[in-house]
Structures are given as C-alpha cells and as structure tokens.
Amino acid sequence: MASVVLSEAEKLYVVHGVQEDLRVDGRGCEDYRCAEVETDVVSNTSGSARVKLGHTDILVGVKAEMGTPKLEKPDEGYLEFFVDCSANATPEFEGRGGEELGTEIANTLYRVFSSESSVDLKSLCINPREHCWVLYVDVLLLECGGNLFDAISIAVKAALFNTRIPKVRVLEDEEGSKEIELSDDPYDCIRLNVVDVPCIITLSKIGYRHVVDATLQEEACSLASLLISVTSKGALTSMKKVGKGSLDPESIFEMMETGKRVGKSLHVALQKILDEEESLGTSRQKVGFLG
C-alpha cells in the first residue's frame, strides 16, 4: 500500500494532535475529508462511479453479463470483483507491487458482499440452474492518498446504484427449448436495491485514540487499524484487523461503536448525493477527465 516515511518529530506532531482531537488538516478524529462522487462516468458499462477522497481517486465500472448460476446457489446471480492498481497511483505499484494489494482488496470486497442481505442476488436470476446475471465489478485505483478501503466501498456502492440491467423475457417453444430475449429499451431495466450494501469504515489507532479517514501521514503513525463494514442502519456485517500492532478489547469495542456511528452518517450523505445526481438525469454537467 502507498506509504510515506515520517521522522520521529513529525510522528510526534501527528500523534499529539490526535490526542487533542485536532488533526494536521484541521479535522476532528471522527471527520471525513470532503468526498467527490460522480456516477455514470464510463459509457460502455452497466453502471459506473468515480470517487475522490482527498488525494485518493477511485474509478469503478460494473458490467452485467449473462452466465450460469453456481451449483450451490441455482436461483441466484453473483458478483465478481477485479481490482487494478494503476502503476501511476504510487511508485510502489510498479512491477508486481500492486498485485498483492489488488488481491487483498478483492478478497475484502468478497467478504463484505458475502452477507446474504447486501444485494438481492435472487433478483439477478433469469431462470434457475440455467441463466443468471453476473455483475463484474472492476475497481481501478487511480491515485492513493490514504484510506483506500473506505473510498473503494463508497465507489462500489455508487456504481451499483447506477447499474441498469436489461429486462429479460424467456420464450419457450413447443419442444420446450428456451430462448432469451433482451429488452433494447434503455428505460426497461432492472435497478439494484443498494439500501443494505455496506460501506467500509477504517479506524486507525494513533496513540491512545483512533481516527477515521486517515491520510497517508496518519497511516504512517498507526500500527493497527480496524476495517469494519457497516450498513445504513448501523449494523456491523464484517470486521478485520490490519497492521502489525495489537488492539486491546476495550479499544476494539470503542472503534466498533465509532464505526457504526460514522458509518450511518456516511450512508446518509452518500445517498443524498446519489439521489441528487439521479434527479438531474442527463441534464447534469459532467466533470472530470471522463466528462
């Protein structure tokens, strides 16, 4: 993961600020940086989103393709995640540097979406055991400026919200063979319900306190972080510790409570942006290099 090297004096400055609930950029411990969220930015996808959080820049595209349901879940579609760490995002991604991180992020996303309630996979089934929709979720890391997992989860939720899947009719002839007919009307589509799609909140332990949405400098001062996925209702669906340091049970409990509280307000803010973009329709002004 992208990292910076700080001197001991710089680390002390960051740590002492966090103890006083005053971070280097003026935020409190539970404050996020301003996030820019834009949907429908890649034309040849079923749904897409771009999220900029500080200096972290993420692009997500979702493609719906027809496939065969998995044997153990014959009446459901499924999601596949692929993460590409652009070598331009940080020098550490050159060569094979980004592959390990890409795999780690994809595995985390599989864990977050393994919860039965996150996406209604049954709505992606066309006919059991034969045809279903497979959603290929491609994540591209354009720039890494700290707090990757949170930014990626926001971008994935926004892209899934933006996803439109063509309606399908299954026609059967006299011999019983089935033919699938896709609707070519762009407005005749299925939309995913993303209300229960969780967002990841990363809580980084710095000194005796913890912060959300850590910058690269703050990540350099943190020996351990807790990644928790939280739904819009504040339910915790998965948890993972990262980093070499240890966390005591009391810290973990406090971090979980902060994560739930911050997660709920993050979902509210994100949904407000998504609804505003939706209401503007095609009249909204495109920004950024994909406009």
C-alpha atoms as a PDB file:
ATOM      1  CA  MET A   1       0.000   0.000   0.000  1.00  0.00           C
ATOM      2  CA  ALA A   2       1.190   3.530  -0.649  1.00  0.00           C
ATOM      3  CA  SER A   3       3.148   4.863   2.309  1.00  0.00           C
ATOM      4  CA  VAL A   4       5.195   7.864   3.402  1.00  0.00           C
ATOM      5  CA  VAL A   5       8.224   7.999   5.683  1.00  0.00           C
ATOM      6  CA  LEU A   6       7.984  10.445   8.586  1.00  0.00           C
ATOM      7  CA  SER A   7      10.683  11.495  11.031  1.00  0.00           C
ATOM      8  CA  GLU A   8      10.112  10.822  14.750  1.00  0.00           C
ATOM      9  CA  ALA A   9       9.397  14.532  15.299  1.00  0.00           C
ATOM     10  CA  GLU A  10       6.750  14.530  12.554  1.00  0.00           C
ATOM     11  CA  LYS A  11       5.135  11.414  14.015  1.00  0.00           C
ATOM     12  CA  LEU A  12       5.019  13.008  17.485  1.00  0.00           C
ATOM     13  CA  TYR A  13       3.365  16.087  15.987  1.00  0.00           C
ATOM     14  CA  VAL A  14       0.639  13.949  14.371  1.00  0.00           C
ATOM     15  CA  VAL A  15       0.115  11.771  17.482  1.00  0.00           C
ATOM     16  CA  HIS A  16      -0.104  14.733  19.885  1.00  0.00           C
ATOM     17  CA  GLY A  17      -2.595  16.465  17.605  1.00  0.00           C
ATOM     18  CA  VAL A  18      -4.815  13.364  17.505  1.00  0.00           C
ATOM     19  CA  GLN A  19      -4.793  13.173  21.351  1.00  0.00           C
ATOM     20  CA  GLU A  20      -6.212  16.742  21.343  1.00  0.00           C
ATOM     21  CA  ASP A  21      -8.838  15.842  18.661  1.00  0.00           C
ATOM     22  CA  LEU A  22      -7.090  18.198  16.226  1.00  0.00           C
ATOM     23  CA  ARG A  23      -5.537  16.600  13.169  1.00  0.00           C
ATOM     24  CA  VAL A  24      -2.887  18.145  10.919  1.00  0.00           C
ATOM     25  CA  ASP A  25      -5.525  19.189   8.334  1.00  0.00           C
ATOM     26  CA  GLY A  26      -7.819  20.677  10.979  1.00  0.00           C
ATOM     27  CA  ARG A  27     -10.313  17.800  11.185  1.00  0.00           C
ATOM     28  CA  GLY A  28     -11.545  16.133  14.359  1.00  0.00           C
ATOM     29  CA  CYS A  29     -10.949  12.398  14.920  1.00  0.00           C
ATOM     30  CA  GLU A  30     -14.363  11.399  13.517  1.00  0.00           C
ATOM     31  CA  ASP A  31     -14.421  13.733  10.497  1.00  0.00           C
ATOM     32  CA  TYR A  32     -14.116  12.607   6.880  1.00  0.00           C
ATOM     33  CA  ARG A  33     -12.428  14.669   4.201  1.00  0.00           C
ATOM     34  CA  CYS A  34     -14.738  16.126   1.562  1.00  0.00           C
ATOM     35  CA  ALA A  35     -15.627  13.372  -0.935  1.00  0.00           C
ATOM     36  CA  GLU A  36     -16.489  13.980  -4.591  1.00  0.00           C
ATOM     37  CA  VAL A  37     -18.839  11.344  -6.003  1.00  0.00           C
ATOM     38  CA  GLU A  38     -19.784  11.165  -9.685  1.00  0.00           C
ATOM     39  CA  THR A  39     -21.863   8.397 -11.295  1.00  0.00           C
ATOM     40  CA  ASP A  40     -22.385   7.282 -14.889  1.00  0.00           C
ATOM     41  CA  VAL A  41     -18.845   8.244 -15.954  1.00  0.00           C
ATOM     42  CA  VAL A  42     -17.896   5.307 -18.217  1.00  0.00           C
ATOM     43  CA  SER A  43     -20.097   4.878 -21.281  1.00  0.00           C
ATOM     44  CA  ASN A  44     -19.651   1.158 -22.097  1.00  0.00           C
ATOM     45  CA  THR A  45     -20.637  -0.161 -18.654  1.00  0.00           C
ATOM     46  CA  SER A  46     -23.942  -1.077 -16.994  1.00  0.00           C
ATOM     47  CA  GLY A  47     -23.056   1.312 -14.158  1.00  0.00           C
ATOM     48  CA  SER A  48     -20.035   3.313 -13.029  1.00  0.00           C
ATOM     49  CA  ALA A  49     -18.805   5.786 -10.431  1.00  0.00           C
ATOM     50  CA  ARG A  50     -15.736   7.825  -9.588  1.00  0.00           C
ATOM     51  CA  VAL A  51     -14.876   8.859  -6.034  1.00  0.00           C
ATOM     52  CA  LYS A  52     -12.221  11.322  -4.932  1.00  0.00           C
ATOM     53  CA  LEU A  53     -11.484  11.405  -1.205  1.00  0.00           C
ATOM     54  CA  GLY A  54      -8.629  13.793  -0.503  1.00  0.00           C
ATOM     55  CA  HIS A  55      -5.850  12.551  -2.789  1.00  0.00           C
ATOM     56  CA  THR A  56      -7.390   9.098  -3.175  1.00  0.00           C
ATOM     57  CA  ASP A  57      -9.051   8.638  -6.572  1.00  0.00           C
ATOM     58  CA  ILE A  58     -11.089   5.521  -7.430  1.00  0.00           C
ATOM     59  CA  LEU A  59     -12.966   4.525 -10.587  1.00  0.00           C
ATOM     60  CA  VAL A  60     -15.449   1.616 -10.569  1.00  0.00           C
ATOM     61  CA  GLY A  61     -17.245   0.099 -13.559  1.00  0.00           C
ATOM     62  CA  VAL A  62     -19.943  -2.602 -13.372  1.00  0.00           C
ATOM     63  CA  LYS A  63     -20.727  -4.833 -16.357  1.00  0.00           C
ATOM     64  CA  ALA A  64     -23.761  -7.128 -16.337  1.00  0.00           C
ATOM     65  CA  GLU A  65     -23.216 -10.250 -18.417  1.00  0.00           C
ATOM     66  CA  MET A  66     -25.286 -13.386 -18.730  1.00  0.00           C
ATOM     67  CA  GLY A  67     -23.891 -16.501 -17.078  1.00  0.00           C
ATOM     68  CA  THR A  68     -24.857 -19.771 -15.418  1.00  0.00           C
ATOM     69  CA  PRO A  69     -25.812 -19.839 -11.725  1.00  0.00           C
ATOM     70  CA  LYS A  70     -23.389 -21.521  -9.341  1.00  0.00           C
ATOM     71  CA  LEU A  71     -24.297 -25.127  -8.480  1.00  0.00           C
ATOM     72  CA  GLU A  72     -24.710 -24.415  -4.769  1.00  0.00           C
ATOM     73  CA  LYS A  73     -26.965 -21.389  -5.460  1.00  0.00           C
ATOM     74  CA  PRO A  74     -29.025 -22.328  -8.545  1.00  0.00           C
ATOM     75  CA  ASP A  75     -31.554 -19.485  -8.151  1.00  0.00           C
ATOM     76  CA  GLU A  76     -29.105 -16.584  -7.709  1.00  0.00           C
ATOM     77  CA  GLY A  77     -26.803 -14.401  -9.766  1.00  0.00           C
ATOM     78  CA  TYR A  78     -23.456 -13.304  -8.339  1.00  0.00           C
ATOM     79  CA  LEU A  79     -20.795 -10.596  -8.250  1.00  0.00           C
ATOM     80  CA  GLU A  80     -17.170 -10.881  -9.386  1.00  0.00           C
ATOM     81  CA  PHE A  81     -14.564  -8.341  -8.239  1.00  0.00           C
ATOM     82  CA  PHE A  82     -11.396  -7.326 -10.044  1.00  0.00           C
ATOM     83  CA  VAL A  83      -9.026  -4.679  -8.671  1.00  0.00           C
ATOM     84  CA  ASP A  84      -6.365  -2.965 -10.782  1.00  0.00           C
ATOM     85  CA  CYS A  85      -3.743  -0.857  -9.006  1.00  0.00           C
ATOM     86  CA  SER A  86      -2.517   1.613 -11.624  1.00  0.00           C
ATOM     87  CA  ALA A  87       1.283   1.978 -11.631  1.00  0.00           C
ATOM     88  CA  ASN A  88       0.668   5.742 -11.830  1.00  0.00           C
ATOM     89  CA  ALA A  89      -1.169   5.710  -8.480  1.00  0.00           C
ATOM     90  CA  THR A  90       2.046   5.245  -6.494  1.00  0.00           C
ATOM     91  CA  PRO A  91       5.593   4.138  -7.418  1.00  0.00           C
ATOM     92  CA  GLU A  92       5.114   1.077  -5.169  1.00  0.00           C
ATOM     93  CA  PHE A  93       2.641  -0.395  -7.688  1.00  0.00           C
ATOM     94  CA  GLU A  94       5.234  -0.690 -10.448  1.00  0.00           C
ATOM     95  CA  GLY A  95       6.099  -4.266 -11.422  1.00  0.00           C
ATOM     96  CA  ARG A  96       4.110  -6.684  -9.251  1.00  0.00           C
ATOM     97  CA  GLY A  97       3.751  -4.257  -6.344  1.00  0.00           C
ATOM     98  CA  GLY A  98       0.056  -3.632  -6.888  1.00  0.00           C
ATOM     99  CA  GLU A  99      -1.000  -7.257  -7.403  1.00  0.00           C
ATOM    100  CA  GLU A 100      -0.923  -8.283  -3.737  1.00  0.00           C
ATOM    101  CA  LEU A 101      -2.887  -5.221  -2.677  1.00  0.00           C
ATOM    102  CA  GLY A 102      -5.368  -5.786  -5.528  1.00  0.00           C
ATOM    103  CA  THR A 103      -5.973  -9.351  -4.344  1.00  0.00           C
ATOM    104  CA  GLU A 104      -6.343  -8.193  -0.725  1.00  0.00           C
ATOM    105  CA  ILE A 105      -8.913  -5.544  -1.696  1.00  0.00           C
ATOM    106  CA  ALA A 106     -10.865  -8.011  -3.898  1.00  0.00           C
ATOM    107  CA  ASN A 107     -10.929 -10.570  -1.042  1.00  0.00           C
ATOM    108  CA  THR A 108     -12.165  -7.875   1.360  1.00  0.00           C
ATOM    109  CA  LEU A 109     -14.949  -6.928  -1.072  1.00  0.00           C
ATOM    110  CA  TYR A 110     -15.989 -10.603  -1.414  1.00  0.00           C
ATOM    111  CA  ARG A 111     -16.173 -10.800   2.395  1.00  0.00           C
ATOM    112  CA  VAL A 112     -18.228  -7.603   2.647  1.00  0.00           C
ATOM    113  CA  PHE A 113     -20.666  -8.784  -0.040  1.00  0.00           C
ATOM    114  CA  SER A 114     -20.908 -12.362   1.269  1.00  0.00           C
ATOM    115  CA  SER A 115     -23.667 -11.201   3.609  1.00  0.00           C
ATOM    116  CA  GLU A 116     -26.964 -12.568   2.253  1.00  0.00           C
ATOM    117  CA  SER A 117     -28.755  -9.243   2.619  1.00  0.00           C
ATOM    118  CA  SER A 118     -26.238  -6.849   0.979  1.00  0.00           C
ATOM    119  CA  VAL A 119     -27.524  -7.334  -2.603  1.00  0.00           C
ATOM    120  CA  ASP A 120     -30.664  -9.277  -3.586  1.00  0.00           C
ATOM    121  CA  LEU A 121     -28.889 -11.921  -5.690  1.00  0.00           C
ATOM    122  CA  LYS A 122     -32.180 -13.728  -6.389  1.00  0.00           C
ATOM    123  CA  SER A 123     -33.284 -10.727  -8.463  1.00  0.00           C
ATOM    124  CA  LEU A 124     -30.326 -11.491 -10.763  1.00  0.00           C
ATOM    125  CA  CYS A 125     -31.605 -14.987 -11.582  1.00  0.00           C
ATOM    126  CA  ILE A 126     -33.260 -15.316 -15.016  1.00  0.00           C
ATOM    127  CA  ASN A 127     -34.197 -18.997 -14.835  1.00  0.00           C
ATOM    128  CA  PRO A 128     -32.882 -21.311 -12.110  1.00  0.00           C
ATOM    129  CA  ARG A 129     -29.851 -23.521 -12.887  1.00  0.00           C
ATOM    130  CA  GLU A 130     -29.688 -22.128 -16.425  1.00  0.00           C
ATOM    131  CA  HIS A 131     -29.267 -18.366 -16.735  1.00  0.00           C
ATOM    132  CA  CYS A 132     -28.441 -15.526 -14.390  1.00  0.00           C
ATOM    133  CA  TRP A 133     -26.806 -12.105 -14.446  1.00  0.00           C
ATOM    134  CA  VAL A 134     -23.183 -11.912 -13.333  1.00  0.00           C
ATOM    135  CA  LEU A 135     -22.055  -8.454 -12.256  1.00  0.00           C
ATOM    136  CA  TYR A 136     -18.365  -7.888 -12.994  1.00  0.00           C
ATOM    137  CA  VAL A 137     -17.213  -5.091 -10.683  1.00  0.00           C
ATOM    138  CA  ASP A 138     -13.919  -3.574 -11.893  1.00  0.00           C
ATOM    139  CA  VAL A 139     -12.108  -1.290  -9.451  1.00  0.00           C
ATOM    140  CA  LEU A 140      -9.293   0.936 -10.732  1.00  0.00           C
ATOM    141  CA  LEU A 141      -7.036   2.754  -8.258  1.00  0.00           C
ATOM    142  CA  LEU A 142      -6.003   5.974  -9.994  1.00  0.00           C
ATOM    143  CA  GLU A 143      -4.324   7.637  -7.026  1.00  0.00           C
ATOM    144  CA  CYS A 144      -3.600   6.575  -3.448  1.00  0.00           C
ATOM    145  CA  GLY A 145      -3.753   9.240  -0.759  1.00  0.00           C
ATOM    146  CA  GLY A 146      -4.768   7.194   2.278  1.00  0.00           C
ATOM    147  CA  ASN A 147      -7.929   5.382   3.355  1.00  0.00           C
ATOM    148  CA  LEU A 148      -8.263   3.217   0.240  1.00  0.00           C
ATOM    149  CA  PHE A 149     -10.833   0.710   1.511  1.00  0.00           C
ATOM    150  CA  ASP A 150     -13.428   3.326   2.508  1.00  0.00           C
ATOM    151  CA  ALA A 151     -13.121   5.174  -0.812  1.00  0.00           C
ATOM    152  CA  ILE A 152     -13.418   1.912  -2.769  1.00  0.00           C
ATOM    153  CA  SER A 153     -16.530   0.810  -0.855  1.00  0.00           C
ATOM    154  CA  ILE A 154     -18.193   4.200  -1.482  1.00  0.00           C
ATOM    155  CA  ALA A 155     -17.366   3.948  -5.206  1.00  0.00           C
ATOM    156  CA  VAL A 156     -18.661   0.347  -5.429  1.00  0.00           C
ATOM    157  CA  LYS A 157     -21.955   1.277  -3.754  1.00  0.00           C
ATOM    158  CA  ALA A 158     -22.360   4.315  -6.039  1.00  0.00           C
ATOM    159  CA  ALA A 159     -21.615   2.228  -9.164  1.00  0.00           C
ATOM    160  CA  LEU A 160     -24.107  -0.479  -8.121  1.00  0.00           C
ATOM    161  CA  PHE A 161     -26.729   2.235  -7.512  1.00  0.00           C
ATOM    162  CA  ASN A 162     -26.057   3.499 -11.053  1.00  0.00           C
ATOM    163  CA  THR A 163     -26.241  -0.004 -12.603  1.00  0.00           C
ATOM    164  CA  ARG A 164     -29.050  -0.763 -15.045  1.00  0.00           C
ATOM    165  CA  ILE A 165     -29.639  -4.351 -16.120  1.00  0.00           C
ATOM    166  CA  PRO A 166     -31.792  -5.046 -19.240  1.00  0.00           C
ATOM    167  CA  LYS A 167     -35.159  -6.709 -18.635  1.00  0.00           C
ATOM    168  CA  VAL A 168     -35.336 -10.242 -19.987  1.00  0.00           C
ATOM    169  CA  ARG A 169     -38.159 -12.356 -21.413  1.00  0.00           C
ATOM    170  CA  VAL A 170     -37.800 -16.129 -21.522  1.00  0.00           C
ATOM    171  CA  LEU A 171     -39.663 -17.581 -24.511  1.00  0.00           C
ATOM    172  CA  GLU A 172     -40.359 -21.317 -24.738  1.00  0.00           C
ATOM    173  CA  ASP A 173     -41.224 -23.114 -27.974  1.00  0.00           C
ATOM    174  CA  GLU A 174     -43.252 -26.353 -28.438  1.00  0.00           C
ATOM    175  CA  GLU A 175     -40.181 -28.565 -27.951  1.00  0.00           C
ATOM    176  CA  GLY A 176     -39.512 -26.946 -24.587  1.00  0.00           C
ATOM    177  CA  SER A 177     -36.296 -25.202 -25.617  1.00  0.00           C
ATOM    178  CA  LYS A 178     -35.945 -21.739 -24.138  1.00  0.00           C
ATOM    179  CA  GLU A 179     -34.923 -18.581 -25.894  1.00  0.00           C
ATOM    180  CA  ILE A 180     -33.899 -15.411 -24.103  1.00  0.00           C
ATOM    181  CA  GLU A 181     -34.954 -12.033 -25.411  1.00  0.00           C
ATOM    182  CA  LEU A 182     -33.298  -8.881 -24.044  1.00  0.00           C
ATOM    183  CA  SER A 183     -35.213  -5.637 -23.987  1.00  0.00           C
ATOM    184  CA  ASP A 184     -33.485  -2.996 -26.113  1.00  0.00           C
ATOM    185  CA  ASP A 185     -35.354  -0.152 -24.406  1.00  0.00           C
ATOM    186  CA  PRO A 186     -32.776   1.560 -22.136  1.00  0.00           C
ATOM    187  CA  TYR A 187     -35.550   2.565 -19.720  1.00  0.00           C
ATOM    188  CA  ASP A 188     -36.891  -1.009 -19.496  1.00  0.00           C
ATOM    189  CA  CYS A 189     -34.335  -2.191 -16.954  1.00  0.00           C
ATOM    190  CA  ILE A 190     -33.815  -3.652 -13.506  1.00  0.00           C
ATOM    191  CA  ARG A 191     -32.257  -1.446 -10.824  1.00  0.00           C
ATOM    192  CA  LEU A 192     -30.449  -2.874  -7.831  1.00  0.00           C
ATOM    193  CA  ASN A 193     -31.629  -2.054  -4.334  1.00  0.00           C
ATOM    194  CA  VAL A 194     -28.447  -0.826  -2.601  1.00  0.00           C
ATOM    195  CA  VAL A 195     -30.028   0.159   0.733  1.00  0.00           C
ATOM    196  CA  ASP A 196     -28.316  -2.745   2.531  1.00  0.00           C
ATOM    197  CA  VAL A 197     -24.972  -2.507   0.696  1.00  0.00           C
ATOM    198  CA  PRO A 198     -22.434  -1.779   3.446  1.00  0.00           C
ATOM    199  CA  CYS A 199     -19.649   0.789   3.406  1.00  0.00           C
ATOM    200  CA  ILE A 200     -16.236   0.047   4.887  1.00  0.00           C
ATOM    201  CA  ILE A 201     -15.084   2.304   7.724  1.00  0.00           C
ATOM    202  CA  THR A 202     -11.364   2.106   8.538  1.00  0.00           C
ATOM    203  CA  LEU A 203     -10.470   3.147  12.075  1.00  0.00           C
ATOM    204  CA  SER A 204      -6.752   3.771  12.580  1.00  0.00           C
ATOM    205  CA  LYS A 205      -5.349   3.618  16.113  1.00  0.00           C
ATOM    206  CA  ILE A 206      -2.948   6.503  16.723  1.00  0.00           C
ATOM    207  CA  GLY A 207      -1.564   6.781  20.238  1.00  0.00           C
ATOM    208  CA  TYR A 208      -4.460   6.254  22.649  1.00  0.00           C
ATOM    209  CA  ARG A 209      -7.151   7.392  20.223  1.00  0.00           C
ATOM    210  CA  HIS A 210      -8.445   6.352  16.815  1.00  0.00           C
ATOM    211  CA  VAL A 211      -9.303   8.338  13.685  1.00  0.00           C
ATOM    212  CA  VAL A 212     -11.446   7.736  10.606  1.00  0.00           C
ATOM    213  CA  ASP A 213     -10.375   8.541   7.024  1.00  0.00           C
ATOM    214  CA  ALA A 214      -6.640   8.599   7.787  1.00  0.00           C
ATOM    215  CA  THR A 215      -4.251  10.428   5.443  1.00  0.00           C
ATOM    216  CA  LEU A 216      -1.015   8.752   4.326  1.00  0.00           C
ATOM    217  CA  GLN A 217       0.844  10.653   7.080  1.00  0.00           C
ATOM    218  CA  GLU A 218      -1.596   9.391   9.720  1.00  0.00           C
ATOM    219  CA  GLU A 219      -1.390   5.831   8.370  1.00  0.00           C
ATOM    220  CA  ALA A 220       2.390   6.047   8.854  1.00  0.00           C
ATOM    221  CA  CYS A 221       1.762   6.781  12.567  1.00  0.00           C
ATOM    222  CA  SER A 222      -0.724   3.931  13.045  1.00  0.00           C
ATOM    223  CA  LEU A 223       0.412   0.424  13.965  1.00  0.00           C
ATOM    224  CA  ALA A 224      -3.042  -1.161  13.783  1.00  0.00           C
ATOM    225  CA  SER A 225      -6.366  -0.435  12.100  1.00  0.00           C
ATOM    226  CA  LEU A 226      -9.808  -1.984  12.202  1.00  0.00           C
ATOM    227  CA  LEU A 227     -11.801  -2.356   8.967  1.00  0.00           C
ATOM    228  CA  ILE A 228     -15.499  -2.726   9.639  1.00  0.00           C
ATOM    229  CA  SER A 229     -18.350  -2.869   7.154  1.00  0.00           C
ATOM    230  CA  VAL A 230     -21.487  -1.050   8.287  1.00  0.00           C
ATOM    231  CA  THR A 231     -24.957  -0.888   6.724  1.00  0.00           C
ATOM    232  CA  SER A 232     -27.053   2.276   6.506  1.00  0.00           C
ATOM    233  CA  LYS A 233     -28.957   1.081   9.597  1.00  0.00           C
ATOM    234  CA  GLY A 234     -25.702   0.858  11.576  1.00  0.00           C
ATOM    235  CA  ALA A 235     -25.477  -2.951  11.524  1.00  0.00           C
ATOM    236  CA  LEU A 236     -21.944  -4.343  11.515  1.00  0.00           C
ATOM    237  CA  THR A 237     -21.514  -7.092   8.889  1.00  0.00           C
ATOM    238  CA  SER A 238     -17.781  -7.870   8.949  1.00  0.00           C
ATOM    239  CA  MET A 239     -14.609  -6.876  10.754  1.00  0.00           C
ATOM    240  CA  LYS A 240     -10.891  -7.285  10.076  1.00  0.00           C
ATOM    241  CA  LYS A 241      -7.755  -6.063  11.838  1.00  0.00           C
ATOM    242  CA  VAL A 242      -4.852  -4.866   9.707  1.00  0.00           C
ATOM    243  CA  GLY A 243      -1.349  -3.737  10.647  1.00  0.00           C
ATOM    244  CA  LYS A 244       1.415  -5.192  12.798  1.00  0.00           C
ATOM    245  CA  GLY A 245       0.295  -3.686  16.114  1.00  0.00           C
ATOM    246  CA  SER A 246      -2.214  -5.133  18.572  1.00  0.00           C
ATOM    247  CA  LEU A 247      -5.577  -3.809  19.738  1.00  0.00           C
ATOM    248  CA  ASP A 248      -6.937  -4.385  23.232  1.00  0.00           C
ATOM    249  CA  PRO A 249     -10.607  -5.444  23.634  1.00  0.00           C
ATOM    250  CA  GLU A 250     -11.653  -2.055  25.031  1.00  0.00           C
ATOM    251  CA  SER A 251     -10.162  -0.217  22.017  1.00  0.00           C
ATOM    252  CA  ILE A 252     -11.877  -2.634  19.625  1.00  0.00           C
ATOM    253  CA  PHE A 253     -15.258  -2.016  21.300  1.00  0.00           C
ATOM    254  CA  GLU A 254     -14.782   1.781  21.139  1.00  0.00           C
ATOM    255  CA  MET A 255     -13.706   1.586  17.477  1.00  0.00           C
ATOM    256  CA  MET A 256     -16.743  -0.541  16.590  1.00  0.00           C
ATOM    257  CA  GLU A 257     -19.073   1.998  18.217  1.00  0.00           C
ATOM    258  CA  THR A 258     -17.374   4.896  16.375  1.00  0.00           C
ATOM    259  CA  GLY A 259     -17.530   2.931  13.111  1.00  0.00           C
ATOM    260  CA  LYS A 260     -21.283   2.328  13.440  1.00  0.00           C
ATOM    261  CA  ARG A 261     -21.964   5.978  14.260  1.00  0.00           C
ATOM    262  CA  VAL A 262     -19.750   7.376  11.474  1.00  0.00           C
ATOM    263  CA  GLY A 263     -20.964   4.702   9.032  1.00  0.00           C
ATOM    264  CA  LYS A 264     -24.613   5.686   9.437  1.00  0.00           C
ATOM    265  CA  SER A 265     -23.908   9.352   8.677  1.00  0.00           C
ATOM    266  CA  LEU A 266     -21.657   8.399   5.746  1.00  0.00           C
ATOM    267  CA  HIS A 267     -24.511   6.375   4.179  1.00  0.00           C
ATOM    268  CA  VAL A 268     -26.937   9.301   4.627  1.00  0.00           C
ATOM    269  CA  ALA A 269     -24.519  11.746   2.942  1.00  0.00           C
ATOM    270  CA  LEU A 270     -23.781   9.312   0.078  1.00  0.00           C
ATOM    271  CA  GLN A 271     -27.456   8.557  -0.582  1.00  0.00           C
ATOM    272  CA  LYS A 272     -28.222  12.284  -0.695  1.00  0.00           C
ATOM    273  CA  ILE A 273     -25.547  12.794  -3.403  1.00  0.00           C
ATOM    274  CA  LEU A 274     -26.766   9.766  -5.392  1.00  0.00           C
ATOM    275  CA  ASP A 275     -30.386  10.934  -5.258  1.00  0.00           C
ATOM    276  CA  GLU A 276     -29.387  14.445  -6.382  1.00  0.00           C
ATOM    277  CA  GLU A 277     -27.411  13.075  -9.360  1.00  0.00           C
ATOM    278  CA  GLU A 278     -30.333  10.803 -10.253  1.00  0.00           C
ATOM    279  CA  SER A 279     -32.830  13.684 -10.179  1.00  0.00           C
ATOM    280  CA  LEU A 280     -30.715  15.717 -12.639  1.00  0.00           C
ATOM    281  CA  GLY A 281     -30.770  12.882 -15.198  1.00  0.00           C
ATOM    282  CA  THR A 282     -28.980  13.600 -18.475  1.00  0.00           C
ATOM    283  CA  SER A 283     -29.031  17.356 -17.877  1.00  0.00           C
ATOM    284  CA  ARG A 284     -26.311  17.244 -15.224  1.00  0.00           C
ATOM    285  CA  GLN A 285     -22.951  18.708 -16.028  1.00  0.00           C
ATOM    286  CA  LYS A 286     -20.180  16.125 -16.377  1.00  0.00           C
ATOM    287  CA  VAL A 287     -16.974  16.956 -14.534  1.00  0.00           C
ATOM    288  CA  GLY A 288     -13.516  15.436 -14.526  1.00  0.00           C
ATOM    289  CA  PHE A 289     -11.486  13.860 -17.310  1.00  0.00           C
ATOM    290  CA  LEU A 290     -14.304  11.440 -18.176  1.00  0.00           C
ATOM    291  CA  GLY A 291     -16.833  14.197 -18.840  1.00  0.00           C
END
